[in-house]
Amino acid sequence: MFKKTPNYDTKLFKEVWETPAEFATDVENSGIPVLFKASTKTTTLNTLFWLLYARHANDPIANLDINQWKYRVYSIIYQYGPTWEKRLEIQQNVRNLTLDELKKGSKAIYNKAFNPSSDPSTDTLDEIEYINEQNTTNYKRADIEAYSIQWDAMKVDVSEVFLKQFDKLFKVFVSHEHPTIYVEEEEDE
């Protein structure tokens, strides 16, 4: 006889939302503001759907009330979604930096004016013209240091941190990958 696979009492993620369009419509109509940038909101919601689908498509939801469960999803999107979107943008910008951009270092500017007609501003980073003396120091990174900074910035994908917030919304079961076959031994007479 074969051991039966678990029979879940709640729907799977893929049964709650079958398409990105259904997911996006529900999120938009939830009454909870979607704080993604208007210009990329549809793309961001589609991406989020497919990331959740890849992670939890066949996982049963951890709630008998589907409506309440959906609002838990919406609240996570509201709380953590905008930060995720901004971090994705920053991560993409860091990935796109050229070697020359990475090698640029900071600049130190030292000004000295003996008899200025007006006091030079101390809160500017620009070099001041028409002063008696000015020293600037420009720093430049070596190639390996520049790449090291970029490497460190890309160590962790920002999506993983966001997607972990959704894990608590799904049931976790441990079961066999294949059906177990039980054989009963007959007693010898």
N, C-alpha and C. Protein backbone atom coordinates (compact mmCIF):
# COMPACT_ATOMS: atom_id res chain seq x y z
N MET A 1 0.84 -1.16 0.00
CA MET A 1 0.00 0.00 0.00
C MET A 1 0.89 1.23 0.00
N PHE A 2 0.44 2.28 -0.64
CA PHE A 2 1.19 3.53 -0.74
C PHE A 2 0.75 4.49 0.34
N LYS A 3 1.70 5.25 0.82
CA LYS A 3 1.38 6.30 1.77
C LYS A 3 0.83 7.49 0.99
N LYS A 4 -0.27 8.04 1.45
CA LYS A 4 -0.88 9.16 0.75
C LYS A 4 -0.07 10.44 1.02
N THR A 5 -0.05 11.31 0.02
CA THR A 5 0.57 12.62 0.23
C THR A 5 -0.37 13.43 1.10
N PRO A 6 0.17 14.41 1.83
CA PRO A 6 -0.68 15.20 2.72
C PRO A 6 -1.82 15.89 1.98
N ASN A 7 -2.97 15.91 2.59
CA ASN A 7 -4.12 16.60 2.02
C ASN A 7 -4.27 17.91 2.79
N TYR A 8 -3.96 19.01 2.13
CA TYR A 8 -3.96 20.30 2.80
C TYR A 8 -5.38 20.83 2.91
N ASP A 9 -5.66 21.53 4.00
CA ASP A 9 -6.99 22.06 4.20
C ASP A 9 -7.12 23.52 3.76
N THR A 10 -6.06 24.08 3.21
CA THR A 10 -6.12 25.44 2.69
C THR A 10 -5.62 25.45 1.25
N LYS A 11 -5.93 26.55 0.57
CA LYS A 11 -5.53 26.67 -0.84
C LYS A 11 -4.03 26.88 -0.96
N LEU A 12 -3.52 26.55 -2.12
CA LEU A 12 -2.13 26.83 -2.45
C LEU A 12 -2.03 28.25 -2.99
N PHE A 13 -0.84 28.82 -2.95
CA PHE A 13 -0.64 30.16 -3.47
C PHE A 13 -1.14 30.26 -4.91
N LYS A 14 -0.80 29.28 -5.74
CA LYS A 14 -1.18 29.34 -7.16
C LYS A 14 -2.69 29.20 -7.37
N GLU A 15 -3.41 28.74 -6.35
CA GLU A 15 -4.88 28.68 -6.44
C GLU A 15 -5.53 30.00 -6.02
N VAL A 16 -4.84 30.77 -5.21
CA VAL A 16 -5.35 32.08 -4.78
C VAL A 16 -5.20 33.08 -5.92
N TRP A 17 -4.02 33.14 -6.50
CA TRP A 17 -3.75 34.02 -7.65
C TRP A 17 -3.10 33.18 -8.75
N GLU A 18 -3.79 33.09 -9.86
CA GLU A 18 -3.27 32.29 -10.97
C GLU A 18 -2.42 33.09 -11.94
N THR A 19 -2.64 34.40 -12.00
CA THR A 19 -1.90 35.24 -12.96
C THR A 19 -1.40 36.51 -12.27
N PRO A 20 -0.38 37.13 -12.85
CA PRO A 20 0.09 38.40 -12.30
C PRO A 20 -0.99 39.49 -12.36
N ALA A 21 -1.83 39.44 -13.37
CA ALA A 21 -2.90 40.44 -13.49
C ALA A 21 -3.89 40.34 -12.33
N GLU A 22 -4.27 39.10 -11.96
CA GLU A 22 -5.18 38.92 -10.82
C GLU A 22 -4.53 39.45 -9.54
N PHE A 23 -3.27 39.13 -9.36
CA PHE A 23 -2.53 39.58 -8.18
C PHE A 23 -2.49 41.10 -8.13
N ALA A 24 -2.10 41.74 -9.23
CA ALA A 24 -1.98 43.20 -9.27
C ALA A 24 -3.32 43.87 -9.03
N THR A 25 -4.39 43.33 -9.63
CA THR A 25 -5.72 43.90 -9.44
C THR A 25 -6.14 43.82 -7.98
N ASP A 26 -5.93 42.68 -7.35
CA ASP A 26 -6.28 42.53 -5.94
C ASP A 26 -5.48 43.48 -5.04
N VAL A 27 -4.19 43.60 -5.32
CA VAL A 27 -3.35 44.49 -4.52
C VAL A 27 -3.82 45.94 -4.69
N GLU A 28 -4.07 46.35 -5.92
CA GLU A 28 -4.50 47.73 -6.20
C GLU A 28 -5.87 48.03 -5.58
N ASN A 29 -6.77 47.05 -5.56
CA ASN A 29 -8.13 47.25 -5.05
C ASN A 29 -8.30 46.92 -3.58
N SER A 30 -7.21 46.67 -2.88
CA SER A 30 -7.29 46.24 -1.48
C SER A 30 -7.68 47.35 -0.52
N GLY A 31 -7.48 48.59 -0.92
CA GLY A 31 -7.73 49.70 -0.01
C GLY A 31 -6.47 50.10 0.74
N ILE A 32 -5.45 49.27 0.70
CA ILE A 32 -4.15 49.61 1.30
C ILE A 32 -3.31 50.26 0.20
N PRO A 33 -2.79 51.45 0.44
CA PRO A 33 -2.03 52.13 -0.63
C PRO A 33 -0.84 51.30 -1.12
N VAL A 34 -0.66 51.32 -2.42
CA VAL A 34 0.50 50.68 -3.02
C VAL A 34 1.50 51.80 -3.27
N LEU A 35 2.59 51.79 -2.55
CA LEU A 35 3.52 52.91 -2.57
C LEU A 35 4.66 52.75 -3.56
N PHE A 36 4.50 51.87 -4.53
CA PHE A 36 5.50 51.76 -5.58
C PHE A 36 5.40 52.98 -6.49
N LYS A 37 6.50 53.30 -7.17
CA LYS A 37 6.49 54.43 -8.10
C LYS A 37 5.43 54.16 -9.17
N ALA A 38 4.67 55.18 -9.49
CA ALA A 38 3.58 55.04 -10.46
C ALA A 38 4.10 54.56 -11.81
N SER A 39 5.28 55.04 -12.21
CA SER A 39 5.81 54.69 -13.54
C SER A 39 6.22 53.22 -13.65
N THR A 40 6.51 52.58 -12.52
CA THR A 40 6.96 51.18 -12.57
C THR A 40 6.08 50.24 -11.77
N LYS A 41 4.93 50.71 -11.30
CA LYS A 41 4.09 49.93 -10.40
C LYS A 41 3.67 48.59 -11.00
N THR A 42 3.22 48.58 -12.25
CA THR A 42 2.77 47.34 -12.89
C THR A 42 3.91 46.35 -13.02
N THR A 43 5.05 46.82 -13.47
CA THR A 43 6.22 45.94 -13.62
C THR A 43 6.66 45.39 -12.27
N THR A 44 6.66 46.24 -11.26
CA THR A 44 7.08 45.81 -9.93
C THR A 44 6.13 44.77 -9.36
N LEU A 45 4.83 44.97 -9.52
CA LEU A 45 3.85 43.99 -9.03
C LEU A 45 3.96 42.67 -9.79
N ASN A 46 4.19 42.74 -11.10
CA ASN A 46 4.38 41.51 -11.89
C ASN A 46 5.63 40.76 -11.43
N THR A 47 6.70 41.49 -11.21
CA THR A 47 7.94 40.87 -10.73
C THR A 47 7.72 40.22 -9.38
N LEU A 48 7.05 40.94 -8.49
CA LEU A 48 6.78 40.40 -7.15
C LEU A 48 5.93 39.14 -7.25
N PHE A 49 4.92 39.14 -8.11
CA PHE A 49 4.09 37.93 -8.27
C PHE A 49 4.95 36.74 -8.67
N TRP A 50 5.79 36.91 -9.69
CA TRP A 50 6.58 35.78 -10.18
C TRP A 50 7.63 35.33 -9.16
N LEU A 51 8.17 36.26 -8.40
CA LEU A 51 9.10 35.87 -7.34
C LEU A 51 8.39 35.06 -6.25
N LEU A 52 7.19 35.50 -5.88
CA LEU A 52 6.40 34.74 -4.89
C LEU A 52 5.95 33.41 -5.47
N TYR A 53 5.60 33.40 -6.74
CA TYR A 53 5.18 32.16 -7.40
C TYR A 53 6.34 31.16 -7.40
N ALA A 54 7.51 31.62 -7.75
CA ALA A 54 8.68 30.73 -7.78
C ALA A 54 8.99 30.18 -6.39
N ARG A 55 8.73 30.96 -5.38
CA ARG A 55 9.07 30.58 -4.01
C ARG A 55 7.96 29.78 -3.33
N HIS A 56 6.68 30.10 -3.64
CA HIS A 56 5.57 29.52 -2.87
C HIS A 56 4.39 29.00 -3.69
N ALA A 57 4.55 28.78 -4.98
CA ALA A 57 3.41 28.39 -5.81
C ALA A 57 2.65 27.18 -5.27
N ASN A 58 3.35 26.16 -4.83
CA ASN A 58 2.70 24.93 -4.36
C ASN A 58 2.64 24.83 -2.84
N ASP A 59 2.82 25.96 -2.16
CA ASP A 59 2.75 25.97 -0.71
C ASP A 59 1.34 26.35 -0.26
N PRO A 60 0.80 25.65 0.71
CA PRO A 60 -0.52 26.01 1.22
C PRO A 60 -0.43 27.26 2.10
N ILE A 61 -1.44 28.11 1.98
CA ILE A 61 -1.44 29.32 2.78
C ILE A 61 -1.71 28.98 4.23
N ALA A 62 -1.19 29.77 5.13
CA ALA A 62 -1.32 29.51 6.57
C ALA A 62 -2.49 30.29 7.17
N ASN A 63 -3.68 30.07 6.60
CA ASN A 63 -4.87 30.73 7.11
C ASN A 63 -6.09 30.11 6.43
N LEU A 64 -7.11 29.83 7.21
CA LEU A 64 -8.34 29.30 6.62
C LEU A 64 -9.16 30.40 5.96
N ASP A 65 -8.97 31.63 6.40
CA ASP A 65 -9.68 32.78 5.83
C ASP A 65 -8.80 33.40 4.74
N ILE A 66 -9.13 33.14 3.49
CA ILE A 66 -8.31 33.61 2.36
C ILE A 66 -8.26 35.13 2.33
N ASN A 67 -9.38 35.79 2.64
CA ASN A 67 -9.40 37.24 2.60
C ASN A 67 -8.43 37.84 3.62
N GLN A 68 -8.42 37.30 4.84
CA GLN A 68 -7.49 37.79 5.85
C GLN A 68 -6.05 37.53 5.41
N TRP A 69 -5.81 36.36 4.84
CA TRP A 69 -4.47 36.02 4.37
C TRP A 69 -4.01 37.01 3.30
N LYS A 70 -4.91 37.36 2.37
CA LYS A 70 -4.56 38.32 1.33
C LYS A 70 -4.15 39.66 1.95
N TYR A 71 -4.88 40.08 2.98
CA TYR A 71 -4.55 41.36 3.61
C TYR A 71 -3.21 41.30 4.35
N ARG A 72 -2.83 40.14 4.78
CA ARG A 72 -1.48 40.00 5.34
C ARG A 72 -0.44 40.21 4.25
N VAL A 73 -0.70 39.67 3.07
CA VAL A 73 0.19 39.88 1.92
C VAL A 73 0.25 41.37 1.58
N TYR A 74 -0.93 42.01 1.50
CA TYR A 74 -0.97 43.44 1.16
C TYR A 74 -0.22 44.28 2.18
N SER A 75 -0.36 43.93 3.46
CA SER A 75 0.32 44.72 4.50
C SER A 75 1.83 44.58 4.42
N ILE A 76 2.31 43.40 4.06
CA ILE A 76 3.76 43.23 3.87
C ILE A 76 4.23 44.07 2.69
N ILE A 77 3.44 44.07 1.62
CA ILE A 77 3.80 44.90 0.45
C ILE A 77 3.82 46.37 0.85
N TYR A 78 2.85 46.81 1.64
CA TYR A 78 2.79 48.20 2.08
C TYR A 78 3.99 48.55 2.96
N GLN A 79 4.33 47.66 3.90
CA GLN A 79 5.39 47.95 4.85
C GLN A 79 6.78 47.89 4.24
N TYR A 80 7.04 46.86 3.44
CA TYR A 80 8.41 46.60 2.98
C TYR A 80 8.62 46.81 1.48
N GLY A 81 7.55 46.90 0.71
CA GLY A 81 7.65 47.01 -0.74
C GLY A 81 8.38 48.23 -1.25
N PRO A 82 8.04 49.44 -0.76
CA PRO A 82 8.73 50.62 -1.27
C PRO A 82 10.23 50.60 -0.99
N THR A 83 10.63 50.10 0.16
CA THR A 83 12.06 49.99 0.48
C THR A 83 12.73 49.00 -0.45
N TRP A 84 12.05 47.88 -0.72
CA TRP A 84 12.57 46.88 -1.65
C TRP A 84 12.76 47.50 -3.03
N GLU A 85 11.75 48.24 -3.49
CA GLU A 85 11.83 48.86 -4.82
C GLU A 85 13.02 49.83 -4.90
N LYS A 86 13.21 50.65 -3.87
CA LYS A 86 14.32 51.61 -3.86
C LYS A 86 15.66 50.88 -3.80
N ARG A 87 15.74 49.83 -2.98
CA ARG A 87 16.99 49.07 -2.90
C ARG A 87 17.30 48.38 -4.23
N LEU A 88 16.27 47.92 -4.94
CA LEU A 88 16.51 47.35 -6.27
C LEU A 88 17.11 48.38 -7.21
N GLU A 89 16.57 49.59 -7.14
CA GLU A 89 17.09 50.68 -7.98
C GLU A 89 18.55 50.99 -7.64
N ILE A 90 18.85 51.08 -6.36
CA ILE A 90 20.22 51.35 -5.92
C ILE A 90 21.14 50.20 -6.34
N GLN A 91 20.67 48.97 -6.14
CA GLN A 91 21.46 47.80 -6.51
C GLN A 91 21.76 47.82 -8.01
N GLN A 92 20.78 48.17 -8.82
CA GLN A 92 20.99 48.24 -10.26
C GLN A 92 21.99 49.34 -10.61
N ASN A 93 21.89 50.48 -9.93
CA ASN A 93 22.83 51.58 -10.18
C ASN A 93 24.26 51.17 -9.81
N VAL A 94 24.42 50.45 -8.72
CA VAL A 94 25.76 49.99 -8.31
C VAL A 94 26.28 48.99 -9.34
N ARG A 95 25.42 48.11 -9.81
CA ARG A 95 25.85 47.13 -10.82
C ARG A 95 26.28 47.80 -12.12
N ASN A 96 25.68 48.94 -12.43
CA ASN A 96 25.95 49.62 -13.70
C ASN A 96 27.12 50.59 -13.65
N LEU A 97 27.73 50.79 -12.48
CA LEU A 97 28.86 51.71 -12.39
C LEU A 97 30.03 51.23 -13.25
N THR A 98 30.65 52.16 -13.96
CA THR A 98 31.83 51.82 -14.75
C THR A 98 33.06 51.82 -13.84
N LEU A 99 34.15 51.29 -14.34
CA LEU A 99 35.39 51.27 -13.58
C LEU A 99 35.84 52.69 -13.25
N ASP A 100 35.73 53.60 -14.22
CA ASP A 100 36.13 54.99 -13.97
C ASP A 100 35.30 55.62 -12.87
N GLU A 101 34.01 55.35 -12.84
CA GLU A 101 33.14 55.88 -11.79
C GLU A 101 33.50 55.28 -10.43
N LEU A 102 33.81 53.99 -10.43
CA LEU A 102 34.19 53.32 -9.18
C LEU A 102 35.51 53.83 -8.64
N LYS A 103 36.40 54.24 -9.52
CA LYS A 103 37.73 54.68 -9.10
C LYS A 103 37.74 56.09 -8.52
N LYS A 104 36.68 56.85 -8.80
CA LYS A 104 36.63 58.22 -8.26
C LYS A 104 36.56 58.17 -6.75
N GLY A 105 37.41 58.97 -6.16
CA GLY A 105 37.43 59.05 -4.70
C GLY A 105 36.85 60.37 -4.24
N SER A 106 37.06 60.66 -2.99
CA SER A 106 36.57 61.92 -2.44
C SER A 106 37.55 63.05 -2.74
N LYS A 107 37.12 64.26 -2.47
CA LYS A 107 37.96 65.44 -2.72
C LYS A 107 38.00 66.25 -1.43
N ALA A 108 39.19 66.68 -1.04
CA ALA A 108 39.34 67.55 0.12
C ALA A 108 39.77 68.92 -0.38
N ILE A 109 39.08 69.98 0.05
CA ILE A 109 39.37 71.34 -0.39
C ILE A 109 39.68 72.19 0.83
N TYR A 110 40.81 72.89 0.80
CA TYR A 110 41.21 73.78 1.88
C TYR A 110 41.39 75.18 1.29
N ASN A 111 40.61 76.16 1.77
CA ASN A 111 40.67 77.53 1.27
C ASN A 111 41.22 78.46 2.34
N LYS A 112 41.96 79.49 1.87
CA LYS A 112 42.46 80.50 2.79
C LYS A 112 42.38 81.84 2.08
N ALA A 113 41.62 82.75 2.68
CA ALA A 113 41.48 84.09 2.11
C ALA A 113 41.85 85.10 3.18
N PHE A 114 42.82 85.98 2.85
CA PHE A 114 43.29 86.96 3.84
C PHE A 114 42.35 88.15 3.95
N ASN A 115 41.94 88.69 2.83
CA ASN A 115 41.08 89.87 2.85
C ASN A 115 39.93 89.69 1.86
N PRO A 116 39.07 88.73 2.09
CA PRO A 116 37.98 88.56 1.12
C PRO A 116 36.97 89.68 1.23
N SER A 117 36.32 89.99 0.11
CA SER A 117 35.28 91.02 0.15
C SER A 117 34.04 90.50 0.85
N SER A 118 33.89 89.19 0.88
CA SER A 118 32.79 88.57 1.63
C SER A 118 33.32 87.27 2.22
N ASP A 119 32.68 86.83 3.27
CA ASP A 119 33.11 85.59 3.90
C ASP A 119 32.79 84.41 3.00
N PRO A 120 33.75 83.53 2.76
CA PRO A 120 33.45 82.34 1.95
C PRO A 120 32.55 81.39 2.74
N SER A 121 31.66 80.77 2.03
CA SER A 121 30.75 79.81 2.66
C SER A 121 31.52 78.56 3.04
N THR A 122 31.22 78.02 4.19
CA THR A 122 31.92 76.81 4.64
C THR A 122 31.11 75.55 4.36
N ASP A 123 29.90 75.70 3.85
CA ASP A 123 29.07 74.52 3.63
C ASP A 123 29.04 74.08 2.17
N THR A 124 29.89 74.66 1.35
CA THR A 124 29.92 74.27 -0.05
C THR A 124 31.06 73.29 -0.31
N LEU A 125 30.88 72.44 -1.28
CA LEU A 125 31.94 71.51 -1.67
C LEU A 125 32.64 71.97 -2.94
N ASP A 126 32.19 73.12 -3.47
CA ASP A 126 32.77 73.64 -4.70
C ASP A 126 34.05 74.40 -4.38
N GLU A 127 34.92 74.45 -5.36
CA GLU A 127 36.15 75.21 -5.20
C GLU A 127 35.82 76.70 -5.35
N ILE A 128 36.42 77.55 -4.53
CA ILE A 128 36.12 78.97 -4.53
C ILE A 128 37.17 79.70 -5.36
N GLU A 129 36.71 80.60 -6.24
CA GLU A 129 37.62 81.40 -7.06
C GLU A 129 37.97 82.68 -6.32
N TYR A 130 39.06 83.31 -6.75
CA TYR A 130 39.50 84.61 -6.25
C TYR A 130 39.80 84.60 -4.76
N ILE A 131 40.55 83.63 -4.34
CA ILE A 131 41.02 83.60 -2.96
C ILE A 131 42.54 83.57 -2.98
N ASN A 132 43.13 83.81 -1.85
CA ASN A 132 44.59 83.89 -1.81
C ASN A 132 45.26 82.53 -1.96
N GLU A 133 44.67 81.53 -1.35
CA GLU A 133 45.34 80.23 -1.36
C GLU A 133 44.28 79.13 -1.32
N GLN A 134 44.53 78.11 -2.09
CA GLN A 134 43.60 76.96 -2.08
C GLN A 134 44.39 75.69 -2.31
N ASN A 135 44.12 74.69 -1.49
CA ASN A 135 44.72 73.37 -1.65
C ASN A 135 43.59 72.37 -1.87
N THR A 136 43.76 71.56 -2.85
CA THR A 136 42.77 70.49 -3.06
C THR A 136 43.51 69.16 -3.10
N THR A 137 42.83 68.16 -2.59
CA THR A 137 43.37 66.80 -2.64
C THR A 137 42.31 65.92 -3.27
N ASN A 138 42.65 65.29 -4.37
CA ASN A 138 41.72 64.39 -5.04
C ASN A 138 42.22 62.96 -4.84
N TYR A 139 41.33 62.11 -4.40
CA TYR A 139 41.68 60.72 -4.16
C TYR A 139 41.19 59.86 -5.31
N LYS A 140 41.97 58.86 -5.63
CA LYS A 140 41.59 57.92 -6.70
C LYS A 140 41.88 56.51 -6.20
N ARG A 141 40.95 55.62 -6.44
CA ARG A 141 41.10 54.23 -5.99
C ARG A 141 41.81 53.40 -7.06
N ALA A 142 42.49 52.37 -6.59
CA ALA A 142 43.07 51.38 -7.51
C ALA A 142 41.93 50.53 -8.06
N ASP A 143 42.17 49.88 -9.19
CA ASP A 143 41.14 49.06 -9.82
C ASP A 143 40.58 48.02 -8.86
N ILE A 144 41.45 47.33 -8.16
CA ILE A 144 41.01 46.24 -7.28
C ILE A 144 40.17 46.79 -6.12
N GLU A 145 40.55 47.95 -5.60
CA GLU A 145 39.77 48.57 -4.52
C GLU A 145 38.40 49.00 -5.03
N ALA A 146 38.36 49.56 -6.23
CA ALA A 146 37.09 49.99 -6.82
C ALA A 146 36.15 48.80 -7.01
N TYR A 147 36.67 47.72 -7.58
CA TYR A 147 35.84 46.53 -7.78
C TYR A 147 35.44 45.91 -6.44
N SER A 148 36.31 45.99 -5.45
CA SER A 148 36.00 45.44 -4.13
C SER A 148 34.81 46.16 -3.51
N ILE A 149 34.76 47.47 -3.67
CA ILE A 149 33.63 48.24 -3.15
C ILE A 149 32.34 47.83 -3.85
N GLN A 150 32.39 47.66 -5.16
CA GLN A 150 31.21 47.23 -5.90
C GLN A 150 30.81 45.81 -5.50
N TRP A 151 31.78 44.95 -5.35
CA TRP A 151 31.52 43.56 -4.95
C TRP A 151 30.81 43.50 -3.60
N ASP A 152 31.30 44.28 -2.64
CA ASP A 152 30.68 44.31 -1.31
C ASP A 152 29.25 44.81 -1.37
N ALA A 153 28.99 45.79 -2.22
CA ALA A 153 27.64 46.34 -2.35
C ALA A 153 26.68 45.35 -2.99
N MET A 154 27.21 44.38 -3.73
CA MET A 154 26.34 43.43 -4.43
C MET A 154 26.31 42.06 -3.76
N LYS A 155 26.90 41.91 -2.58
CA LYS A 155 26.97 40.61 -1.93
C LYS A 155 25.60 39.97 -1.72
N VAL A 156 24.66 40.75 -1.27
CA VAL A 156 23.33 40.22 -0.94
C VAL A 156 22.31 40.83 -1.89
N ASP A 157 21.53 39.98 -2.51
CA ASP A 157 20.45 40.48 -3.35
C ASP A 157 19.34 41.00 -2.45
N VAL A 158 18.86 42.17 -2.71
CA VAL A 158 17.87 42.81 -1.84
C VAL A 158 16.52 42.11 -1.87
N SER A 159 16.24 41.34 -2.90
CA SER A 159 14.95 40.66 -3.00
C SER A 159 14.80 39.57 -1.94
N GLU A 160 15.87 38.90 -1.60
CA GLU A 160 15.80 37.81 -0.62
C GLU A 160 15.30 38.32 0.73
N VAL A 161 15.78 39.46 1.15
CA VAL A 161 15.37 40.05 2.42
C VAL A 161 13.88 40.34 2.41
N PHE A 162 13.38 40.88 1.32
CA PHE A 162 11.95 41.20 1.18
C PHE A 162 11.10 39.93 1.11
N LEU A 163 11.51 38.98 0.30
CA LEU A 163 10.71 37.77 0.12
C LEU A 163 10.61 36.93 1.39
N LYS A 164 11.60 37.00 2.25
CA LYS A 164 11.54 36.26 3.52
C LYS A 164 10.38 36.74 4.39
N GLN A 165 9.95 37.96 4.20
CA GLN A 165 8.82 38.48 4.97
C GLN A 165 7.54 37.69 4.69
N PHE A 166 7.44 37.10 3.52
CA PHE A 166 6.23 36.37 3.12
C PHE A 166 6.24 34.91 3.61
N ASP A 167 7.40 34.40 3.97
CA ASP A 167 7.51 32.98 4.34
C ASP A 167 6.58 32.59 5.47
N LYS A 168 6.37 33.49 6.42
CA LYS A 168 5.52 33.17 7.57
C LYS A 168 4.04 33.03 7.20
N LEU A 169 3.68 33.37 5.98
CA LEU A 169 2.29 33.28 5.53
C LEU A 169 1.95 31.91 4.93
N PHE A 170 2.91 31.00 4.94
CA PHE A 170 2.71 29.68 4.34
C PHE A 170 3.00 28.58 5.34
N LYS A 171 2.26 27.47 5.20
CA LYS A 171 2.47 26.32 6.07
C LYS A 171 3.72 25.57 5.62
N VAL A 172 4.40 25.01 6.58
CA VAL A 172 5.60 24.24 6.28
C VAL A 172 5.34 22.80 6.68
N PHE A 173 5.53 21.89 5.74
CA PHE A 173 5.36 20.46 6.00
C PHE A 173 6.62 19.73 5.61
N VAL A 174 6.88 18.69 6.32
CA VAL A 174 8.00 17.83 5.97
C VAL A 174 7.39 16.50 5.56
N SER A 175 7.65 16.10 4.34
CA SER A 175 7.10 14.83 3.87
C SER A 175 8.08 14.18 2.91
N HIS A 176 7.81 12.95 2.58
CA HIS A 176 8.67 12.21 1.65
C HIS A 176 8.49 12.75 0.24
N GLU A 177 9.55 12.70 -0.52
CA GLU A 177 9.48 13.12 -1.91
C GLU A 177 8.76 12.07 -2.75
N HIS A 178 8.91 10.80 -2.39
CA HIS A 178 8.29 9.71 -3.14
C HIS A 178 7.39 8.93 -2.20
N PRO A 179 6.35 8.31 -2.74
CA PRO A 179 5.50 7.51 -1.87
C PRO A 179 6.30 6.37 -1.23
N THR A 180 6.00 6.10 0.02
CA THR A 180 6.67 5.01 0.72
C THR A 180 5.86 3.73 0.52
N ILE A 181 6.54 2.67 0.19
CA ILE A 181 5.86 1.38 -0.02
C ILE A 181 6.02 0.55 1.24
N TYR A 182 4.90 0.11 1.76
CA TYR A 182 4.93 -0.73 2.96
C TYR A 182 4.64 -2.16 2.53
N VAL A 183 5.46 -3.07 3.02
CA VAL A 183 5.26 -4.47 2.73
C VAL A 183 5.09 -5.19 4.05
N GLU A 184 4.00 -5.92 4.16
CA GLU A 184 3.78 -6.69 5.38
C GLU A 184 4.33 -8.09 5.18
N GLU A 185 5.10 -8.53 6.14
CA GLU A 185 5.67 -9.87 6.03
C GLU A 185 4.64 -10.88 6.52
N GLU A 186 4.56 -11.97 5.80
CA GLU A 186 3.65 -13.04 6.21
C GLU A 186 4.40 -13.96 7.17
N GLU A 187 3.68 -14.38 8.16
CA GLU A 187 4.32 -15.32 9.12
C GLU A 187 4.35 -16.70 8.50
N ASP A 188 5.45 -17.41 8.69
CA ASP A 188 5.56 -18.80 8.22
C ASP A 188 4.82 -19.70 9.16
N GLU A 189 4.12 -20.62 8.62
CA GLU A 189 3.39 -21.60 9.44
C GLU A 189 4.12 -22.89 9.52
